[in-house]
Amino acid sequence: METGDEIYWDPYDAKLAQDPYPIYRRLREEAPLYYNEKYDFYAVSRFADCERGLPDWKAFSSSRGDILEIIQSGFEIPSGTLIFEDPPVHDIHRRLLSRVFTPRRIGMLEPQVRRFCTDVLDPLVGAGRFDLIEAVGAEMPMRVIGMLLGIPEADQPAIRDMADDALRTEDGGKMDFKGSENLTSDAFGEYIDWRREHPSNDLMTDLLNAEFEDEHGEIRRLTRDEVLTYVTVVAAAGNETTGRLIGWIGAVLARHPDQRRELVENPSLVPAAIEEILRYEPTGHSIARYVNEDAEFHGRTVPAGSALLFIVGSANRDPRRHAEPDRFDVHRGTGQQLTFGLGGHYCLGAALARLEGRVAMEEILKRFPTWEVDWDDAKLGQTSTVRGWETLPLLID
């Protein structure tokens, strides 16, 4: 949205979210440090500025949240919400979760993820039309998180809906932030209590039994409330964003049929295609930070106490970083992209998201080498945290 020649970027503007890249281009070139007076935040949009700022937790803190509404609410973040913490406590909590969120455990999920895809996609062969979000995007992430946590399969859809509702906004609106109600849910409490008495080979059991040295030097286990916070954060963070990635696979490959054909003929290109989709259409477009100390960008000062947005959706298309950044190219060799963040808060579930995206793409292409999208019935949704398809009807030849 623009008023005359003046640049105006509004992260809550649903119309702008339909195609944010032209305004990103203007921000990078004309207002690399942008201030929005209406919502009282600053934003940077160039790759170099995001690359500099995201790892710098001393200047740009996560301790008040990484979503604009949470930072501006002044809410005190509960202990264990590691995505909303700074070192040293962040590092302690992250190491604890890393111990149970290992590459080996994630790799062991691949056969189950593939079996899920087989079960949902095989019945659709010959259907002529199906909604990719309904069939796969809305289901797979919570099924996988449920496998990790040990949530019974029958209860996983209800947990998915709860996680979505906590982060969702209406188009053009802010998150209705209710404090801890958004960050924890006692819906997990009964599973935690049951798992305490009935241990199994899952992340919830590991969290309940893990011993660690806390920030006070005490060797202890997590409290029930801390486990509840961990589990809720993992469920929410791993659900909606990965579901959006599945939608972008369907949409982007429909718009680039020649490259889709290459992927069908050469499946070894699929991991590179996932990286390029993550760069080209990231599920989350901005990461917020609280400014601890005055910071200089492009000859201007962002004062301490401000909220600053790092627009990674723009940084991923910065021509200073990527040649022809608005062109989708599975042969690009993306290198560093910022969709999963950078530094200490680099997404702990990145490997899991890549696994789900890769397996989904492989299994879709095996069964449906060509498709079109019914764009008239497709709906692109936006929240204050993610951007992606609510519905994406595929028309199969």
Protein backbone atom coordinates (compact mmCIF):
# COMPACT_ATOMS: atom_id res chain seq x y z
CA MET A 1 0.00 0.00 0.00
CA GLU A 2 1.35 3.43 -0.89
CA THR A 3 0.13 6.99 -0.31
CA GLY A 4 1.38 9.00 -3.25
CA ASP A 5 5.11 8.35 -3.37
CA GLU A 6 5.32 7.61 0.34
CA ILE A 7 6.03 3.99 1.26
CA TYR A 8 3.62 2.45 3.73
CA TRP A 9 4.03 -1.13 4.90
CA ASP A 10 1.45 -2.65 7.21
CA PRO A 11 2.09 -6.24 8.39
CA TYR A 12 -1.63 -6.61 9.14
CA ASP A 13 -2.85 -5.55 5.68
CA ALA A 14 -4.43 -8.65 4.09
CA LYS A 15 -4.50 -7.07 0.62
CA LEU A 16 -0.81 -6.33 0.78
CA ALA A 17 -0.15 -9.91 1.86
CA GLN A 18 -1.47 -11.21 -1.47
CA ASP A 19 1.79 -10.06 -3.06
CA PRO A 20 4.15 -8.31 -0.63
CA TYR A 21 7.21 -8.43 -2.86
CA PRO A 22 6.79 -5.12 -4.74
CA ILE A 23 6.58 -3.18 -1.46
CA TYR A 24 9.54 -5.15 -0.10
CA ARG A 25 11.53 -4.05 -3.14
CA ARG A 26 10.73 -0.42 -2.40
CA LEU A 27 11.55 -0.81 1.28
CA ARG A 28 14.97 -2.28 0.48
CA GLU A 29 15.83 0.50 -1.95
CA GLU A 30 14.07 3.55 -0.52
CA ALA A 31 13.56 2.90 3.19
CA PRO A 32 15.99 0.20 4.37
CA LEU A 33 15.20 1.36 7.90
CA TYR A 34 11.45 1.86 7.98
CA TYR A 35 9.30 3.29 10.78
CA ASN A 36 5.56 2.66 11.01
CA GLU A 37 4.02 5.43 13.08
CA LYS A 38 0.56 3.84 13.29
CA TYR A 39 1.80 0.64 14.96
CA ASP A 40 5.00 2.12 16.43
CA PHE A 41 7.63 -0.28 15.11
CA TYR A 42 10.79 -0.18 13.03
CA ALA A 43 11.67 -2.65 10.26
CA VAL A 44 14.72 -3.62 8.22
CA SER A 45 14.38 -5.43 4.92
CA ARG A 46 17.87 -6.03 3.49
CA PHE A 47 19.66 -9.35 3.88
CA ALA A 48 22.78 -7.80 5.44
CA ASP A 49 20.76 -6.02 8.12
CA CYS A 50 18.84 -9.17 9.03
CA GLU A 51 22.04 -11.20 8.98
CA ARG A 52 23.65 -8.72 11.34
CA GLY A 53 20.75 -8.27 13.72
CA LEU A 54 19.11 -11.66 14.17
CA PRO A 55 22.08 -13.33 15.96
CA ASP A 56 22.75 -10.25 18.14
CA TRP A 57 20.63 -11.11 21.18
CA LYS A 58 22.26 -8.49 23.40
CA ALA A 59 21.05 -5.64 21.19
CA PHE A 60 17.91 -7.29 19.80
CA SER A 61 16.27 -9.39 22.48
CA SER A 62 13.85 -12.29 22.18
CA SER A 63 12.97 -12.18 25.88
CA ARG A 64 9.78 -10.20 25.24
CA GLY A 65 8.68 -12.36 22.31
CA ASP A 66 9.35 -12.60 18.58
CA ILE A 67 5.89 -11.46 17.46
CA LEU A 68 5.08 -7.73 17.39
CA GLU A 69 1.86 -8.04 19.39
CA ILE A 70 3.54 -10.02 22.17
CA ILE A 71 6.41 -7.53 22.48
CA GLN A 72 4.00 -4.61 22.64
CA SER A 73 1.73 -6.34 25.16
CA GLY A 74 4.43 -6.24 27.84
CA PHE A 75 3.44 -9.75 28.91
CA GLU A 76 5.93 -11.62 31.09
CA ILE A 77 6.96 -14.75 29.19
CA PRO A 78 6.75 -17.99 31.21
CA SER A 79 9.96 -19.94 31.88
CA GLY A 80 10.75 -22.59 29.32
CA THR A 81 9.41 -20.68 26.31
CA LEU A 82 12.83 -20.93 24.72
CA ILE A 83 11.87 -19.15 21.51
CA PHE A 84 11.15 -16.13 23.75
CA GLU A 85 14.34 -16.24 25.83
CA ASP A 86 17.89 -14.90 25.72
CA PRO A 87 21.12 -16.50 26.92
CA PRO A 88 22.11 -17.85 29.33
CA VAL A 89 18.71 -19.34 30.20
CA HIS A 90 17.83 -19.79 26.53
CA ASP A 91 20.95 -21.85 25.91
CA ILE A 92 20.22 -24.08 28.90
CA HIS A 93 16.66 -24.73 27.76
CA ARG A 94 17.64 -25.18 24.12
CA ARG A 95 20.34 -27.71 24.95
CA LEU A 96 17.79 -29.67 26.94
CA LEU A 97 15.36 -29.80 24.02
CA SER A 98 18.16 -30.48 21.53
CA ARG A 99 19.01 -33.63 23.46
CA VAL A 100 15.59 -35.07 22.74
CA PHE A 101 15.09 -33.44 19.31
CA THR A 102 18.04 -35.17 17.69
CA PRO A 103 18.73 -35.74 13.99
CA ARG A 104 18.56 -39.48 14.67
CA ARG A 105 15.08 -39.21 16.17
CA ILE A 106 13.90 -36.99 13.33
CA GLY A 107 15.38 -39.39 10.77
CA MET A 108 13.51 -42.28 12.38
CA LEU A 109 10.25 -40.49 11.61
CA GLU A 110 10.73 -40.65 7.82
CA PRO A 111 9.04 -44.06 7.32
CA GLN A 112 6.05 -42.88 9.36
CA VAL A 113 5.84 -39.59 7.45
CA ARG A 114 5.99 -41.48 4.16
CA ARG A 115 3.34 -43.92 5.32
CA PHE A 116 1.08 -41.02 6.24
CA CYS A 117 1.51 -39.53 2.74
CA THR A 118 0.78 -42.89 1.15
CA ASP A 119 -2.37 -43.33 3.22
CA VAL A 120 -3.80 -39.91 2.33
CA LEU A 121 -2.64 -39.64 -1.29
CA ASP A 122 -3.34 -43.14 -2.65
CA PRO A 123 -7.14 -42.79 -2.32
CA LEU A 124 -6.96 -39.51 -4.27
CA VAL A 125 -5.43 -41.05 -7.39
CA GLY A 126 -8.02 -40.73 -10.13
CA ALA A 127 -10.12 -38.24 -8.15
CA GLY A 128 -9.50 -35.42 -10.62
CA ARG A 129 -9.54 -32.78 -7.89
CA PHE A 130 -8.59 -32.43 -4.24
CA ASP A 131 -7.61 -29.72 -1.76
CA LEU A 132 -3.91 -30.13 -0.95
CA ILE A 133 -4.29 -28.27 2.35
CA GLU A 134 -7.18 -30.39 3.55
CA ALA A 135 -5.55 -33.64 2.45
CA VAL A 136 -1.95 -33.05 3.51
CA GLY A 137 -1.06 -29.54 4.70
CA ALA A 138 -3.51 -29.39 7.60
CA GLU A 139 -2.91 -32.97 8.69
CA MET A 140 0.72 -33.98 8.26
CA PRO A 141 2.47 -31.54 10.65
CA MET A 142 0.34 -32.34 13.67
CA ARG A 143 0.50 -36.06 12.94
CA VAL A 144 4.29 -35.82 12.94
CA ILE A 145 4.44 -33.66 16.07
CA GLY A 146 2.01 -36.12 17.66
CA MET A 147 4.40 -38.97 16.83
CA LEU A 148 7.26 -37.05 18.45
CA LEU A 149 5.35 -36.08 21.57
CA GLY A 150 3.39 -39.29 22.02
CA ILE A 151 -0.08 -37.81 21.51
CA PRO A 152 -2.62 -40.53 20.56
CA GLU A 153 -3.55 -40.29 16.88
CA ALA A 154 -7.27 -39.83 17.62
CA ASP A 155 -6.50 -36.69 19.67
CA GLN A 156 -4.08 -35.07 17.24
CA PRO A 157 -6.64 -33.07 15.18
CA ALA A 158 -7.99 -31.38 18.31
CA ILE A 159 -4.45 -30.46 19.39
CA ARG A 160 -3.74 -29.09 15.89
CA ASP A 161 -6.83 -26.88 15.99
CA MET A 162 -5.89 -25.58 19.41
CA ALA A 163 -2.39 -24.66 18.23
CA ASP A 164 -3.77 -22.90 15.14
CA ASP A 165 -6.34 -20.91 17.11
CA ALA A 166 -3.69 -19.62 19.50
CA LEU A 167 -1.72 -17.98 16.66
CA ARG A 168 -4.46 -17.07 14.18
CA THR A 169 -5.71 -13.60 13.35
CA GLU A 170 -8.47 -12.39 11.09
CA ASP A 171 -7.28 -10.77 7.87
CA GLY A 172 -6.24 -7.23 8.62
CA GLY A 173 -6.25 -7.76 12.39
CA LYS A 174 -3.80 -8.27 15.19
CA MET A 175 -3.35 -11.43 17.20
CA ASP A 176 -5.82 -11.43 20.10
CA PHE A 177 -3.04 -11.99 22.57
CA LYS A 178 -4.31 -13.35 25.87
CA GLY A 179 -0.96 -13.83 27.56
CA SER A 180 -0.21 -17.33 28.77
CA GLU A 181 -3.36 -18.67 27.11
CA ASN A 182 -1.56 -18.28 23.78
CA LEU A 183 1.66 -19.86 24.99
CA THR A 184 0.50 -22.80 27.09
CA SER A 185 -2.52 -25.05 27.12
CA ASP A 186 -3.54 -27.50 29.79
CA ALA A 187 -4.94 -29.65 27.00
CA PHE A 188 -1.48 -31.24 27.14
CA GLY A 189 -1.54 -31.54 30.90
CA GLU A 190 -3.44 -34.83 31.01
CA TYR A 191 -0.97 -36.37 28.54
CA ILE A 192 1.95 -35.21 30.67
CA ASP A 193 0.40 -36.68 33.82
CA TRP A 194 -0.36 -39.96 32.05
CA ARG A 195 3.14 -40.18 30.55
CA ARG A 196 4.68 -39.66 33.98
CA GLU A 197 3.07 -42.95 35.03
CA HIS A 198 3.36 -44.66 31.63
CA PRO A 199 6.77 -43.77 30.09
CA SER A 200 7.38 -44.45 26.42
CA ASN A 201 9.89 -43.72 23.66
CA ASP A 202 8.75 -40.18 22.93
CA LEU A 203 9.79 -36.60 23.49
CA MET A 204 7.34 -36.03 26.33
CA THR A 205 8.80 -38.91 28.35
CA ASP A 206 12.32 -37.67 27.67
CA LEU A 207 11.44 -34.17 28.87
CA LEU A 208 9.89 -35.54 32.04
CA ASN A 209 12.99 -37.58 32.88
CA ALA A 210 15.83 -35.37 31.64
CA GLU A 211 18.17 -34.00 34.30
CA PHE A 212 19.99 -30.74 33.67
CA GLU A 213 21.83 -27.93 35.40
CA ASP A 214 19.65 -24.84 35.53
CA GLU A 215 20.72 -21.18 35.53
CA HIS A 216 21.21 -21.32 39.32
CA GLY A 217 23.61 -24.27 39.12
CA GLU A 218 21.03 -26.72 40.48
CA ILE A 219 20.81 -30.22 39.00
CA ARG A 220 17.12 -30.96 38.56
CA ARG A 221 14.31 -32.10 36.31
CA LEU A 222 11.75 -29.90 34.63
CA THR A 223 8.63 -29.02 36.59
CA ARG A 224 5.24 -30.02 35.21
CA ASP A 225 4.59 -26.41 34.16
CA GLU A 226 7.93 -26.24 32.36
CA VAL A 227 7.22 -29.48 30.48
CA LEU A 228 3.78 -28.10 29.61
CA THR A 229 5.36 -24.96 28.18
CA TYR A 230 7.94 -26.93 26.16
CA VAL A 231 5.31 -29.24 24.70
CA THR A 232 2.94 -26.41 23.79
CA VAL A 233 5.71 -24.43 22.09
CA VAL A 234 6.87 -27.47 20.08
CA ALA A 235 3.29 -28.23 18.99
CA ALA A 236 2.50 -24.67 17.93
CA ALA A 237 5.84 -23.93 16.26
CA GLY A 238 5.88 -27.18 14.30
CA ASN A 239 2.31 -27.15 13.12
CA GLU A 240 1.06 -24.20 11.12
CA THR A 241 4.31 -23.13 9.46
CA THR A 242 5.07 -26.61 8.11
CA GLY A 243 1.51 -26.92 6.86
CA ARG A 244 2.00 -23.70 4.91
CA LEU A 245 5.15 -25.13 3.33
CA ILE A 246 3.09 -27.99 1.88
CA GLY A 247 0.73 -25.46 0.32
CA TRP A 248 3.56 -23.50 -1.25
CA ILE A 249 4.89 -26.72 -2.81
CA GLY A 250 1.58 -27.11 -4.63
CA ALA A 251 1.26 -23.48 -5.66
CA VAL A 252 4.84 -22.77 -6.71
CA LEU A 253 5.24 -25.97 -8.74
CA ALA A 254 1.92 -25.33 -10.48
CA ARG A 255 3.29 -21.97 -11.61
CA HIS A 256 6.58 -23.51 -12.78
CA PRO A 257 5.58 -26.65 -14.70
CA ASP A 258 8.93 -26.97 -16.50
CA GLN A 259 10.80 -27.21 -13.21
CA ARG A 260 8.14 -29.54 -11.83
CA ARG A 261 8.81 -31.81 -14.80
CA GLU A 262 12.52 -31.78 -13.97
CA LEU A 263 11.72 -32.85 -10.40
CA VAL A 264 9.57 -35.71 -11.66
CA GLU A 265 12.38 -36.87 -13.96
CA ASN A 266 15.13 -36.28 -11.40
CA PRO A 267 13.89 -36.67 -7.79
CA SER A 268 17.41 -36.01 -6.48
CA LEU A 269 16.61 -32.31 -7.08
CA VAL A 270 13.80 -32.37 -4.50
CA PRO A 271 15.91 -31.24 -1.48
CA ALA A 272 17.19 -28.26 -3.49
CA ALA A 273 13.62 -27.47 -4.55
CA ILE A 274 12.52 -27.41 -0.91
CA GLU A 275 15.30 -24.95 -0.09
CA GLU A 276 14.31 -22.73 -2.99
CA ILE A 277 10.63 -22.77 -1.99
CA LEU A 278 11.62 -21.83 1.57
CA ARG A 279 13.57 -18.87 0.16
CA TYR A 280 11.07 -17.89 -2.51
CA GLU A 281 7.86 -18.18 -0.45
CA PRO A 282 8.74 -18.33 3.25
CA THR A 283 5.90 -19.28 5.55
CA GLY A 284 6.81 -16.55 8.05
CA HIS A 285 7.79 -13.15 6.66
CA SER A 286 9.07 -11.27 9.70
CA ILE A 287 10.74 -11.88 13.05
CA ALA A 288 10.29 -9.31 15.80
CA ARG A 289 12.81 -8.30 18.43
CA TYR A 290 12.84 -5.90 21.39
CA VAL A 291 15.63 -3.32 21.05
CA ASN A 292 17.74 -3.35 24.23
CA GLU A 293 20.10 -0.56 23.27
CA ASP A 294 20.20 2.19 20.67
CA ALA A 295 21.05 0.67 17.28
CA GLU A 296 22.24 2.34 14.09
CA PHE A 297 20.92 1.37 10.66
CA HIS A 298 21.62 3.42 7.54
CA GLY A 299 22.61 6.54 9.44
CA ARG A 300 19.56 6.54 11.71
CA THR A 301 18.98 5.39 15.27
CA VAL A 302 16.50 2.80 16.44
CA PRO A 303 16.03 3.83 20.07
CA ALA A 304 16.21 1.37 22.95
CA GLY A 305 12.74 0.19 23.95
CA SER A 306 11.52 -0.07 20.34
CA ALA A 307 10.11 -3.07 18.52
CA LEU A 308 12.09 -3.98 15.39
CA LEU A 309 10.92 -6.33 12.65
CA PHE A 310 13.45 -8.23 10.56
CA ILE A 311 11.58 -8.83 7.29
CA VAL A 312 13.11 -12.14 6.24
CA GLY A 313 10.60 -12.47 3.38
CA SER A 314 12.26 -9.41 1.86
CA ALA A 315 15.82 -10.39 2.82
CA ASN A 316 15.43 -13.70 0.99
CA ARG A 317 14.80 -11.73 -2.21
CA ASP A 318 17.51 -9.14 -1.77
CA PRO A 319 19.46 -8.86 -5.06
CA ARG A 320 22.55 -8.01 -3.02
CA ARG A 321 22.44 -11.60 -1.82
CA HIS A 322 20.79 -13.58 -4.64
CA ALA A 323 21.01 -13.03 -8.39
CA GLU A 324 17.59 -12.60 -10.00
CA PRO A 325 15.93 -13.15 -6.61
CA ASP A 326 12.36 -12.98 -7.94
CA ARG A 327 12.99 -15.98 -10.19
CA PHE A 328 12.21 -19.46 -8.85
CA ASP A 329 15.04 -21.82 -9.73
CA VAL A 330 15.54 -25.31 -8.28
CA HIS A 331 19.15 -25.21 -9.53
CA ARG A 332 19.96 -22.02 -7.61
CA GLY A 333 21.96 -23.53 -4.75
CA THR A 334 20.32 -21.17 -2.31
CA GLY A 335 22.98 -21.13 0.39
CA GLN A 336 22.05 -18.99 3.36
CA GLN A 337 18.38 -18.06 3.51
CA LEU A 338 16.68 -16.66 6.58
CA THR A 339 13.34 -18.49 6.64
CA PHE A 340 14.35 -20.43 9.76
CA GLY A 341 16.06 -17.44 11.37
CA LEU A 342 19.74 -17.16 12.24
CA GLY A 343 21.97 -17.51 15.28
CA GLY A 344 20.97 -18.91 18.64
CA HIS A 345 17.29 -18.91 17.75
CA TYR A 346 17.71 -20.77 14.47
CA CYS A 347 14.61 -22.96 14.23
CA LEU A 348 15.15 -26.16 16.18
CA GLY A 349 12.58 -27.89 13.98
CA ALA A 350 14.17 -26.90 10.65
CA ALA A 351 15.37 -30.44 9.92
CA LEU A 352 11.91 -31.81 10.69
CA ALA A 353 10.23 -29.24 8.40
CA ARG A 354 12.65 -30.09 5.60
CA LEU A 355 11.97 -33.80 6.09
CA GLU A 356 8.21 -33.31 5.91
CA GLY A 357 8.46 -31.05 2.89
CA ARG A 358 10.82 -33.40 1.03
CA VAL A 359 8.74 -36.52 1.67
CA ALA A 360 5.51 -34.72 0.78
CA MET A 361 6.96 -33.41 -2.48
CA GLU A 362 8.37 -36.81 -3.44
CA GLU A 363 5.11 -38.63 -2.77
CA ILE A 364 2.93 -36.01 -4.49
CA LEU A 365 5.11 -36.02 -7.61
CA LYS A 366 5.11 -39.83 -7.76
CA ARG A 367 1.33 -39.89 -8.03
CA PHE A 368 0.56 -36.56 -9.66
CA PRO A 369 3.31 -35.50 -12.06
CA THR A 370 1.14 -32.67 -13.40
CA TRP A 371 -1.59 -30.50 -11.94
CA GLU A 372 -3.23 -27.12 -12.20
CA VAL A 373 -4.65 -25.04 -9.38
CA ASP A 374 -8.25 -23.82 -9.33
CA TRP A 375 -7.13 -20.31 -8.43
CA ASP A 376 -10.71 -19.03 -8.24
CA ASP A 377 -11.39 -21.33 -5.30
CA ALA A 378 -7.95 -21.07 -3.70
CA LYS A 379 -7.64 -18.88 -0.63
CA LEU A 380 -4.41 -17.27 0.51
CA GLY A 381 -4.55 -16.57 4.23
CA GLN A 382 -2.47 -14.26 6.37
CA THR A 383 -1.90 -14.04 10.09
CA SER A 384 0.48 -11.77 11.92
CA THR A 385 2.95 -14.66 12.00
CA VAL A 386 2.54 -16.71 8.81
CA ARG A 387 1.43 -16.40 5.19
CA GLY A 388 0.12 -19.32 3.18
CA TRP A 389 -2.77 -21.16 1.60
CA GLU A 390 -5.96 -21.87 3.53
CA THR A 391 -7.33 -23.85 0.60
CA LEU A 392 -5.53 -24.96 -2.56
CA PRO A 393 -7.68 -27.10 -4.89
CA LEU A 394 -5.52 -29.12 -7.30
CA LEU A 395 -6.93 -30.16 -10.68
CA ILE A 396 -5.33 -33.41 -11.77
CA ASP A 397 -5.06 -34.40 -15.43
